[in-house]
C-alpha atoms as a PDB file:
ATOM      1  CA  UNK A   1     -16.263 -16.926   2.371  1.00  0.00           C
ATOM      2  CA  UNK A   2     -14.619 -13.595   3.219  1.00  0.00           C
ATOM      3  CA  UNK A   3     -11.224 -12.759   1.776  1.00  0.00           C
ATOM      4  CA  UNK A   4      -8.119 -12.208   3.863  1.00  0.00           C
ATOM      5  CA  UNK A   5      -7.327  -8.578   4.692  1.00  0.00           C
ATOM      6  CA  UNK A   6      -3.752  -7.886   3.633  1.00  0.00           C
ATOM      7  CA  UNK A   7      -3.705  -4.180   4.586  1.00  0.00           C
ATOM      8  CA  UNK A   8      -5.703  -2.448   7.300  1.00  0.00           C
ATOM      9  CA  UNK A   9      -5.373   1.294   7.844  1.00  0.00           C
ATOM     10  CA  UNK A  10      -7.207   2.758  10.854  1.00  0.00           C
ATOM     11  CA  UNK A  11      -7.618   6.442  11.708  1.00  0.00           C
ATOM     12  CA  UNK A  12      -4.526   7.367   9.715  1.00  0.00           C
ATOM     13  CA  UNK A  13      -3.607  11.026  10.170  1.00  0.00           C
ATOM     14  CA  UNK A  14      -0.623  13.020   8.942  1.00  0.00           C
ATOM     15  CA  UNK A  15      -0.159  16.656   9.913  1.00  0.00           C
ATOM     16  CA  UNK A  16       2.573  19.080   8.868  1.00  0.00           C
ATOM     17  CA  UNK A  17       2.476  21.793  11.478  1.00  0.00           C
ATOM     18  CA  UNK A  18      -0.953  23.402  11.195  1.00  0.00           C
ATOM     19  CA  UNK A  19      -1.803  21.575   7.937  1.00  0.00           C
ATOM     20  CA  UNK A  20      -3.505  18.185   8.193  1.00  0.00           C
ATOM     21  CA  UNK A  21      -2.841  16.416   4.879  1.00  0.00           C
ATOM     22  CA  UNK A  22      -4.514  13.119   5.852  1.00  0.00           C
ATOM     23  CA  UNK A  23      -7.270  13.039   8.454  1.00  0.00           C
ATOM     24  CA  UNK A  24      -8.470   9.873  10.202  1.00  0.00           C
ATOM     25  CA  UNK A  25      -8.653   7.678   7.096  1.00  0.00           C
ATOM     26  CA  UNK A  26      -9.797   4.055   7.434  1.00  0.00           C
ATOM     27  CA  UNK A  27      -9.091   1.665   4.565  1.00  0.00           C
ATOM     28  CA  UNK A  28      -8.660  -2.063   3.947  1.00  0.00           C
ATOM     29  CA  UNK A  29      -7.247  -3.987   1.011  1.00  0.00           C
ATOM     30  CA  UNK A  30      -8.217  -7.624   0.551  1.00  0.00           C
ATOM     31  CA  UNK A  31      -5.750 -10.162  -0.779  1.00  0.00           C
ATOM     32  CA  UNK A  32      -6.117 -10.381  -4.556  1.00  0.00           C
ATOM     33  CA  UNK A  33      -7.953  -7.052  -4.773  1.00  0.00           C
ATOM     34  CA  UNK A  34      -7.254  -3.924  -6.818  1.00  0.00           C
ATOM     35  CA  UNK A  35      -8.339  -0.913  -4.767  1.00  0.00           C
ATOM     36  CA  UNK A  36      -8.240   2.528  -6.349  1.00  0.00           C
ATOM     37  CA  UNK A  37      -7.788   5.805  -4.484  1.00  0.00           C
ATOM     38  CA  UNK A  38      -8.937   8.923  -6.320  1.00  0.00           C
ATOM     39  CA  UNK A  39      -9.413  12.568  -5.466  1.00  0.00           C
ATOM     40  CA  UNK A  40      -8.596  16.079  -6.685  1.00  0.00           C
ATOM     41  CA  UNK A  41      -5.052  17.438  -6.800  1.00  0.00           C
ATOM     42  CA  UNK A  42      -3.812  18.240  -3.315  1.00  0.00           C
ATOM     43  CA  UNK A  43      -6.328  15.908  -1.676  1.00  0.00           C
ATOM     44  CA  UNK A  44      -3.619  14.066   0.297  1.00  0.00           C
ATOM     45  CA  UNK A  45      -3.449  10.854  -1.763  1.00  0.00           C
ATOM     46  CA  UNK A  46       0.326  10.724  -2.164  1.00  0.00           C
ATOM     47  CA  UNK A  47       0.880  11.668   1.482  1.00  0.00           C
ATOM     48  CA  UNK A  48      -1.460   8.816   2.380  1.00  0.00           C
ATOM     49  CA  UNK A  49       0.683   6.476   0.246  1.00  0.00           C
ATOM     50  CA  UNK A  50       3.898   7.780   1.782  1.00  0.00           C
ATOM     51  CA  UNK A  51       2.682   7.078   5.309  1.00  0.00           C
ATOM     52  CA  UNK A  52       1.483   3.561   4.445  1.00  0.00           C
ATOM     53  CA  UNK A  53       4.718   2.680   2.654  1.00  0.00           C
ATOM     54  CA  UNK A  54       6.954   4.036   5.427  1.00  0.00           C
ATOM     55  CA  UNK A  55       8.325   7.121   3.657  1.00  0.00           C
ATOM     56  CA  UNK A  56       6.641   9.359   6.254  1.00  0.00           C
ATOM     57  CA  UNK A  57       5.735   8.631   9.897  1.00  0.00           C
ATOM     58  CA  UNK A  58       2.045   9.059  10.781  1.00  0.00           C
ATOM     59  CA  UNK A  59       0.888  11.661  13.274  1.00  0.00           C
ATOM     60  CA  UNK A  60      -1.678   9.186  14.588  1.00  0.00           C
ATOM     61  CA  UNK A  61      -3.544   6.058  13.539  1.00  0.00           C
ATOM     62  CA  UNK A  62      -2.247   2.613  12.625  1.00  0.00           C
ATOM     63  CA  UNK A  63      -1.096   0.536   9.662  1.00  0.00           C
ATOM     64  CA  UNK A  64      -1.338  -3.253   9.775  1.00  0.00           C
ATOM     65  CA  UNK A  65       0.153  -5.319   6.945  1.00  0.00           C
ATOM     66  CA  UNK A  66      -0.433  -9.084   6.841  1.00  0.00           C
ATOM     67  CA  UNK A  67      -1.599  -8.866  10.457  1.00  0.00           C
ATOM     68  CA  UNK A  68       1.564  -7.104  11.654  1.00  0.00           C
ATOM     69  CA  UNK A  69       1.511  -3.656  13.231  1.00  0.00           C
ATOM     70  CA  UNK A  70       3.720  -1.681  10.836  1.00  0.00           C
ATOM     71  CA  UNK A  71       2.814   1.814  12.021  1.00  0.00           C
ATOM     72  CA  UNK A  72       5.790   4.099  11.397  1.00  0.00           C
ATOM     73  CA  UNK A  73       7.938   1.283  10.003  1.00  0.00           C
ATOM     74  CA  UNK A  74      10.628   2.415   7.554  1.00  0.00           C
ATOM     75  CA  UNK A  75      10.139   1.859   3.821  1.00  0.00           C
ATOM     76  CA  UNK A  76      13.000  -0.647   3.544  1.00  0.00           C
ATOM     77  CA  UNK A  77      11.464  -2.809   6.276  1.00  0.00           C
ATOM     78  CA  UNK A  78       8.041  -2.592   4.620  1.00  0.00           C
ATOM     79  CA  UNK A  79       9.645  -3.791   1.391  1.00  0.00           C
ATOM     80  CA  UNK A  80      11.175  -6.763   3.193  1.00  0.00           C
ATOM     81  CA  UNK A  81       7.723  -7.641   4.523  1.00  0.00           C
ATOM     82  CA  UNK A  82       6.352  -7.618   0.985  1.00  0.00           C
ATOM     83  CA  UNK A  83       5.067  -4.104   0.224  1.00  0.00           C
ATOM     84  CA  UNK A  84       6.644  -2.172  -2.661  1.00  0.00           C
ATOM     85  CA  UNK A  85       5.643   0.991  -4.493  1.00  0.00           C
ATOM     86  CA  UNK A  86       6.172   3.229  -7.494  1.00  0.00           C
ATOM     87  CA  UNK A  87       6.293   7.023  -7.432  1.00  0.00           C
ATOM     88  CA  UNK A  88       4.557   9.888  -9.232  1.00  0.00           C
ATOM     89  CA  UNK A  89       7.920  11.037 -10.556  1.00  0.00           C
ATOM     90  CA  UNK A  90      10.084   8.261 -11.981  1.00  0.00           C
ATOM     91  CA  UNK A  91      12.813   7.233  -9.565  1.00  0.00           C
ATOM     92  CA  UNK A  92      15.418   5.410 -11.658  1.00  0.00           C
ATOM     93  CA  UNK A  93      19.203   5.203 -12.028  1.00  0.00           C
ATOM     94  CA  UNK A  94      19.361   7.038 -15.380  1.00  0.00           C
ATOM     95  CA  UNK A  95      22.905   5.999 -16.322  1.00  0.00           C
ATOM     96  CA  UNK A  96      22.259   2.297 -15.650  1.00  0.00           C
ATOM     97  CA  UNK A  97      20.665  -0.114 -18.098  1.00  0.00           C
ATOM     98  CA  UNK A  98      17.074  -1.205 -17.620  1.00  0.00           C
ATOM     99  CA  UNK A  99      18.173  -4.657 -16.463  1.00  0.00           C
ATOM    100  CA  UNK A 100      20.647  -3.216 -13.942  1.00  0.00           C
ATOM    101  CA  UNK A 101      17.900  -0.990 -12.532  1.00  0.00           C
ATOM    102  CA  UNK A 102      15.764  -4.096 -12.011  1.00  0.00           C
ATOM    103  CA  UNK A 103      18.657  -6.158 -10.658  1.00  0.00           C
ATOM    104  CA  UNK A 104      19.007  -3.641  -7.818  1.00  0.00           C
ATOM    105  CA  UNK A 105      15.525  -4.604  -6.592  1.00  0.00           C
ATOM    106  CA  UNK A 106      16.290  -8.312  -6.371  1.00  0.00           C
ATOM    107  CA  UNK A 107      19.139  -8.152  -3.874  1.00  0.00           C
ATOM    108  CA  UNK A 108      16.985  -8.292  -0.753  1.00  0.00           C
ATOM    109  CA  UNK A 109      16.336 -11.930  -1.727  1.00  0.00           C
ATOM    110  CA  UNK A 110      20.026 -12.831  -2.057  1.00  0.00           C
ATOM    111  CA  UNK A 111      21.443 -15.382   0.361  1.00  0.00           C
ATOM    112  CA  UNK A 112      25.183 -15.105  -0.377  1.00  0.00           C
ATOM    113  CA  UNK A 113      27.063 -12.387   1.483  1.00  0.00           C
ATOM    114  CA  UNK A 114      29.921 -10.015   0.822  1.00  0.00           C
ATOM    115  CA  UNK A 115      32.582 -12.705   1.267  1.00  0.00           C
ATOM    116  CA  UNK A 116      31.081 -14.786  -1.552  1.00  0.00           C
ATOM    117  CA  UNK A 117      30.929 -11.646  -3.724  1.00  0.00           C
ATOM    118  CA  UNK A 118      34.644 -11.010  -3.157  1.00  0.00           C
ATOM    119  CA  UNK A 119      35.595 -14.631  -3.817  1.00  0.00           C
ATOM    120  CA  UNK A 120      33.090 -14.946  -6.687  1.00  0.00           C
ATOM    121  CA  UNK A 121      32.572 -18.574  -5.731  1.00  0.00           C
ATOM    122  CA  UNK A 122      30.118 -21.001  -7.312  1.00  0.00           C
ATOM    123  CA  UNK A 123      27.258 -20.084  -4.959  1.00  0.00           C
ATOM    124  CA  UNK A 124      27.699 -16.398  -5.832  1.00  0.00           C
ATOM    125  CA  UNK A 125      27.846 -17.130  -9.568  1.00  0.00           C
ATOM    126  CA  UNK A 126      24.701 -19.257  -9.404  1.00  0.00           C
ATOM    127  CA  UNK A 127      22.839 -16.582  -7.480  1.00  0.00           C
ATOM    128  CA  UNK A 128      23.967 -13.871  -9.913  1.00  0.00           C
ATOM    129  CA  UNK A 129      22.584 -15.975 -12.769  1.00  0.00           C
ATOM    130  CA  UNK A 130      19.289 -16.268 -10.886  1.00  0.00           C
ATOM    131  CA  UNK A 131      19.231 -12.486 -10.377  1.00  0.00           C
ATOM    132  CA  UNK A 132      19.752 -11.931 -14.106  1.00  0.00           C
ATOM    133  CA  UNK A 133      16.947 -14.347 -14.929  1.00  0.00           C
ATOM    134  CA  UNK A 134      14.551 -12.730 -12.435  1.00  0.00           C
ATOM    135  CA  UNK A 135      15.342  -9.263 -13.759  1.00  0.00           C
ATOM    136  CA  UNK A 136      14.772 -10.343 -17.346  1.00  0.00           C
ATOM    137  CA  UNK A 137      11.461 -11.987 -16.441  1.00  0.00           C
ATOM    138  CA  UNK A 138      10.305  -8.731 -14.841  1.00  0.00           C
ATOM    139  CA  UNK A 139      11.316  -6.750 -17.933  1.00  0.00           C
ATOM    140  CA  UNK A 140       9.570  -9.168 -20.251  1.00  0.00           C
ATOM    141  CA  UNK A 141       6.455  -8.948 -18.070  1.00  0.00           C
ATOM    142  CA  UNK A 142       6.261  -5.200 -18.789  1.00  0.00           C
ATOM    143  CA  UNK A 143       7.219  -5.647 -22.473  1.00  0.00           C
ATOM    144  CA  UNK A 144      10.725  -4.262 -22.062  1.00  0.00           C
ATOM    145  CA  UNK A 145      12.720  -7.427 -22.697  1.00  0.00           C
ATOM    146  CA  UNK A 146      14.164  -6.064 -25.940  1.00  0.00           C
ATOM    147  CA  UNK A 147      15.205  -2.858 -24.150  1.00  0.00           C
ATOM    148  CA  UNK A 148      17.020  -4.611 -21.302  1.00  0.00           C
ATOM    149  CA  UNK A 149      20.452  -3.166 -22.099  1.00  0.00           C
ATOM    150  CA  UNK A 150      19.306   0.363 -22.928  1.00  0.00           C
ATOM    151  CA  UNK A 151      20.115   2.986 -20.289  1.00  0.00           C
ATOM    152  CA  UNK A 152      17.068   4.193 -18.384  1.00  0.00           C
ATOM    153  CA  UNK A 153      17.650   7.794 -19.512  1.00  0.00           C
ATOM    154  CA  UNK A 154      17.321   6.697 -23.155  1.00  0.00           C
ATOM    155  CA  UNK A 155      13.914   5.069 -22.655  1.00  0.00           C
ATOM    156  CA  UNK A 156      10.716   6.895 -23.548  1.00  0.00           C
ATOM    157  CA  UNK A 157       8.619   8.269 -20.722  1.00  0.00           C
ATOM    158  CA  UNK A 158       6.094   5.438 -21.043  1.00  0.00           C
ATOM    159  CA  UNK A 159       8.914   2.884 -20.996  1.00  0.00           C
ATOM    160  CA  UNK A 160      10.380   4.487 -17.877  1.00  0.00           C
ATOM    161  CA  UNK A 161       7.003   4.171 -16.138  1.00  0.00           C
ATOM    162  CA  UNK A 162       6.875   0.487 -17.080  1.00  0.00           C
ATOM    163  CA  UNK A 163      10.472   0.030 -15.902  1.00  0.00           C
ATOM    164  CA  UNK A 164       9.464   1.343 -12.476  1.00  0.00           C
ATOM    165  CA  UNK A 165       6.733  -1.289 -12.340  1.00  0.00           C
ATOM    166  CA  UNK A 166       9.263  -3.972 -13.352  1.00  0.00           C
ATOM    167  CA  UNK A 167      11.520  -2.858 -10.484  1.00  0.00           C
ATOM    168  CA  UNK A 168       8.621  -3.005  -8.031  1.00  0.00           C
ATOM    169  CA  UNK A 169       7.456  -6.492  -9.050  1.00  0.00           C
ATOM    170  CA  UNK A 170      11.020  -7.863  -9.173  1.00  0.00           C
ATOM    171  CA  UNK A 171      11.105  -7.377  -5.404  1.00  0.00           C
ATOM    172  CA  UNK A 172       8.351 -10.041  -5.207  1.00  0.00           C
ATOM    173  CA  UNK A 173       5.750  -8.004  -3.316  1.00  0.00           C
ATOM    174  CA  UNK A 174       2.475  -9.252  -1.951  1.00  0.00           C
ATOM    175  CA  UNK A 175       1.062  -5.717  -2.068  1.00  0.00           C
ATOM    176  CA  UNK A 176       2.022  -3.210  -4.758  1.00  0.00           C
ATOM    177  CA  UNK A 177       1.314   0.517  -4.353  1.00  0.00           C
ATOM    178  CA  UNK A 178       1.078   2.298  -7.711  1.00  0.00           C
ATOM    179  CA  UNK A 179       1.195   6.107  -7.507  1.00  0.00           C
ATOM    180  CA  UNK A 180      -0.357   7.562 -10.684  1.00  0.00           C
ATOM    181  CA  UNK A 181       1.231   5.025 -13.077  1.00  0.00           C
ATOM    182  CA  UNK A 182      -0.689   6.424 -16.084  1.00  0.00           C
ATOM    183  CA  UNK A 183       0.566   9.993 -15.593  1.00  0.00           C
ATOM    184  CA  UNK A 184       1.852  11.337 -18.912  1.00  0.00           C
ATOM    185  CA  UNK A 185       0.836   8.260 -20.876  1.00  0.00           C
ATOM    186  CA  UNK A 186      -1.040   8.464 -24.162  1.00  0.00           C
ATOM    187  CA  UNK A 187      -4.308   6.473 -24.590  1.00  0.00           C
ATOM    188  CA  UNK A 188      -2.532   3.491 -26.147  1.00  0.00           C
ATOM    189  CA  UNK A 189      -0.026   3.332 -23.286  1.00  0.00           C
ATOM    190  CA  UNK A 190      -2.882   3.710 -20.801  1.00  0.00           C
ATOM    191  CA  UNK A 191      -4.683   0.725 -22.281  1.00  0.00           C
ATOM    192  CA  UNK A 192      -1.483  -1.314 -22.122  1.00  0.00           C
ATOM    193  CA  UNK A 193      -1.164  -0.300 -18.474  1.00  0.00           C
ATOM    194  CA  UNK A 194      -4.696  -1.550 -17.726  1.00  0.00           C
ATOM    195  CA  UNK A 195      -3.824  -4.971 -19.152  1.00  0.00           C
ATOM    196  CA  UNK A 196      -0.533  -5.015 -17.244  1.00  0.00           C
ATOM    197  CA  UNK A 197      -2.172  -4.204 -13.898  1.00  0.00           C
ATOM    198  CA  UNK A 198      -4.650  -7.034 -14.421  1.00  0.00           C
ATOM    199  CA  UNK A 199      -1.796  -9.428 -15.179  1.00  0.00           C
ATOM    200  CA  UNK A 200       0.021  -8.319 -12.023  1.00  0.00           C
ATOM    201  CA  UNK A 201      -3.066  -9.170  -9.987  1.00  0.00           C
ATOM    202  CA  UNK A 202      -3.269 -12.527 -11.788  1.00  0.00           C
ATOM    203  CA  UNK A 203       0.243 -13.207 -10.446  1.00  0.00           C
ATOM    204  CA  UNK A 204      -1.208 -13.043  -6.930  1.00  0.00           C
ATOM    205  CA  UNK A 205      -0.174  -9.478  -6.101  1.00  0.00           C
ATOM    206  CA  UNK A 206      -2.731  -7.212  -4.418  1.00  0.00           C
ATOM    207  CA  UNK A 207      -2.730  -3.605  -5.666  1.00  0.00           C
ATOM    208  CA  UNK A 208      -3.446  -0.214  -4.112  1.00  0.00           C
ATOM    209  CA  UNK A 209      -3.667   2.325  -6.928  1.00  0.00           C
ATOM    210  CA  UNK A 210      -3.714   6.123  -6.884  1.00  0.00           C
ATOM    211  CA  UNK A 211      -4.778   7.387 -10.302  1.00  0.00           C
ATOM    212  CA  UNK A 212      -6.360  10.409 -11.990  1.00  0.00           C
ATOM    213  CA  UNK A 213      -7.213   8.699 -15.270  1.00  0.00           C
ATOM    214  CA  UNK A 214     -10.742   7.461 -14.715  1.00  0.00           C
ATOM    215  CA  UNK A 215     -10.609   5.074 -17.675  1.00  0.00           C
ATOM    216  CA  UNK A 216      -7.756   3.259 -15.923  1.00  0.00           C
ATOM    217  CA  UNK A 217      -9.589   3.281 -12.588  1.00  0.00           C
ATOM    218  CA  UNK A 218     -12.829   2.006 -14.104  1.00  0.00           C
ATOM    219  CA  UNK A 219     -10.950  -0.580 -16.156  1.00  0.00           C
ATOM    220  CA  UNK A 220      -9.081  -2.312 -13.338  1.00  0.00           C
ATOM    221  CA  UNK A 221     -10.411  -1.510  -9.851  1.00  0.00           C
ATOM    222  CA  UNK A 222     -12.634  -3.791  -7.784  1.00  0.00           C
ATOM    223  CA  UNK A 223     -13.355  -0.960  -5.328  1.00  0.00           C
ATOM    224  CA  UNK A 224     -12.624   2.758  -5.227  1.00  0.00           C
ATOM    225  CA  UNK A 225     -12.095   5.128  -2.287  1.00  0.00           C
ATOM    226  CA  UNK A 226     -12.286   8.898  -2.696  1.00  0.00           C
ATOM    227  CA  UNK A 227     -10.167  11.313  -0.636  1.00  0.00           C
ATOM    228  CA  UNK A 228     -10.868  15.048  -0.492  1.00  0.00           C
ATOM    229  CA  UNK A 229      -8.995  17.500   1.741  1.00  0.00           C
ATOM    230  CA  UNK A 230      -7.366  14.517   3.454  1.00  0.00           C
ATOM    231  CA  UNK A 231     -10.646  12.800   4.373  1.00  0.00           C
ATOM    232  CA  UNK A 232     -12.269   9.747   2.840  1.00  0.00           C
ATOM    233  CA  UNK A 233     -15.645  10.885   1.508  1.00  0.00           C
ATOM    234  CA  UNK A 234     -16.786   7.767  -0.398  1.00  0.00           C
ATOM    235  CA  UNK A 235     -15.933   4.110  -0.966  1.00  0.00           C
ATOM    236  CA  UNK A 236     -17.492   1.292  -2.949  1.00  0.00           C
ATOM    237  CA  UNK A 237     -17.831  -0.253  -6.388  1.00  0.00           C
ATOM    238  CA  UNK A 238     -16.423   1.974  -9.161  1.00  0.00           C
ATOM    239  CA  UNK A 239     -19.786   2.685 -10.815  1.00  0.00           C
ATOM    240  CA  UNK A 240     -21.428   3.492  -7.491  1.00  0.00           C
ATOM    241  CA  UNK A 241     -18.612   5.846  -6.510  1.00  0.00           C
ATOM    242  CA  UNK A 242     -18.447   7.811  -9.764  1.00  0.00           C
ATOM    243  CA  UNK A 243     -22.201   8.378  -9.610  1.00  0.00           C
ATOM    244  CA  UNK A 244     -22.142   9.492  -5.979  1.00  0.00           C
ATOM    245  CA  UNK A 245     -23.373  13.132  -6.014  1.00  0.00           C
ATOM    246  CA  UNK A 246     -20.781  14.175  -3.454  1.00  0.00           C
ATOM    247  CA  UNK A 247     -17.958  12.687  -5.532  1.00  0.00           C
ATOM    248  CA  UNK A 248     -19.280  14.376  -8.672  1.00  0.00           C
ATOM    249  CA  UNK A 249     -19.402  17.688  -6.859  1.00  0.00           C
ATOM    250  CA  UNK A 250     -15.876  17.670  -5.411  1.00  0.00           C
ATOM    251  CA  UNK A 251     -13.924  15.818  -8.054  1.00  0.00           C
ATOM    252  CA  UNK A 252     -15.298  14.295 -11.212  1.00  0.00           C
ATOM    253  CA  UNK A 253     -17.650  16.891 -12.623  1.00  0.00           C
ATOM    254  CA  UNK A 254     -20.746  15.891 -14.520  1.00  0.00           C
ATOM    255  CA  UNK A 255     -18.811  15.737 -17.825  1.00  0.00           C
ATOM    256  CA  UNK A 256     -16.364  13.168 -16.429  1.00  0.00           C
ATOM    257  CA  UNK A 257     -19.152  10.912 -15.208  1.00  0.00           C
ATOM    258  CA  UNK A 258     -20.761  10.795 -18.629  1.00  0.00           C
ATOM    259  CA  UNK A 259     -17.537  10.737 -20.690  1.00  0.00           C
END
């Protein structure tokens, strides 16, 4: 029985003047799948993410999410549909506590409006308690429960990366886009990340992952796609892809394959 396709990207192209950063890329993500996207620096991976997530409009091609044509849809609308993302560079409110950073991601689910917030009535109080509980669950999921009231700027780099993931999952996505989540992490943090990504998938969240750390890619991905100079040059099972001669030539290097 074939799985449901949650994301379908067809002929996606993004050009900046005379530079084509993404060129006619086709890609699908199945519900419950972890799909990795790899490629050398400057290959167009983050631009590809930005177009899918609504941060950049495509030049041509289409994006369908859960069967809906979302081509060119803004990032906030994509988030409401159930697609959230993290960024290469941490995007946090540094002067706010970890739990307040996560709380900000839960408000798209709130049902009470501004009038209830002014009156601070029972419905508002109950919903605020639910928000606190949801935020704490997200922090505990990424092993930051004991750091909930520490300002984001006081967290270590690895903790900040995990806080970004907590923010993304607190928004209750069906598809999570992770943009180089292991960047700057030491091997121990990378191994913790692998376990965390698997647990996220176990929660029913599909994952599209851009990553340079091959140990992370090999440890979590069901399939891998390779982008070079904006074009998809390979796709398949992780072991098949990393042993593809074309992939070795443009990206991995023989030492990486046998590391």
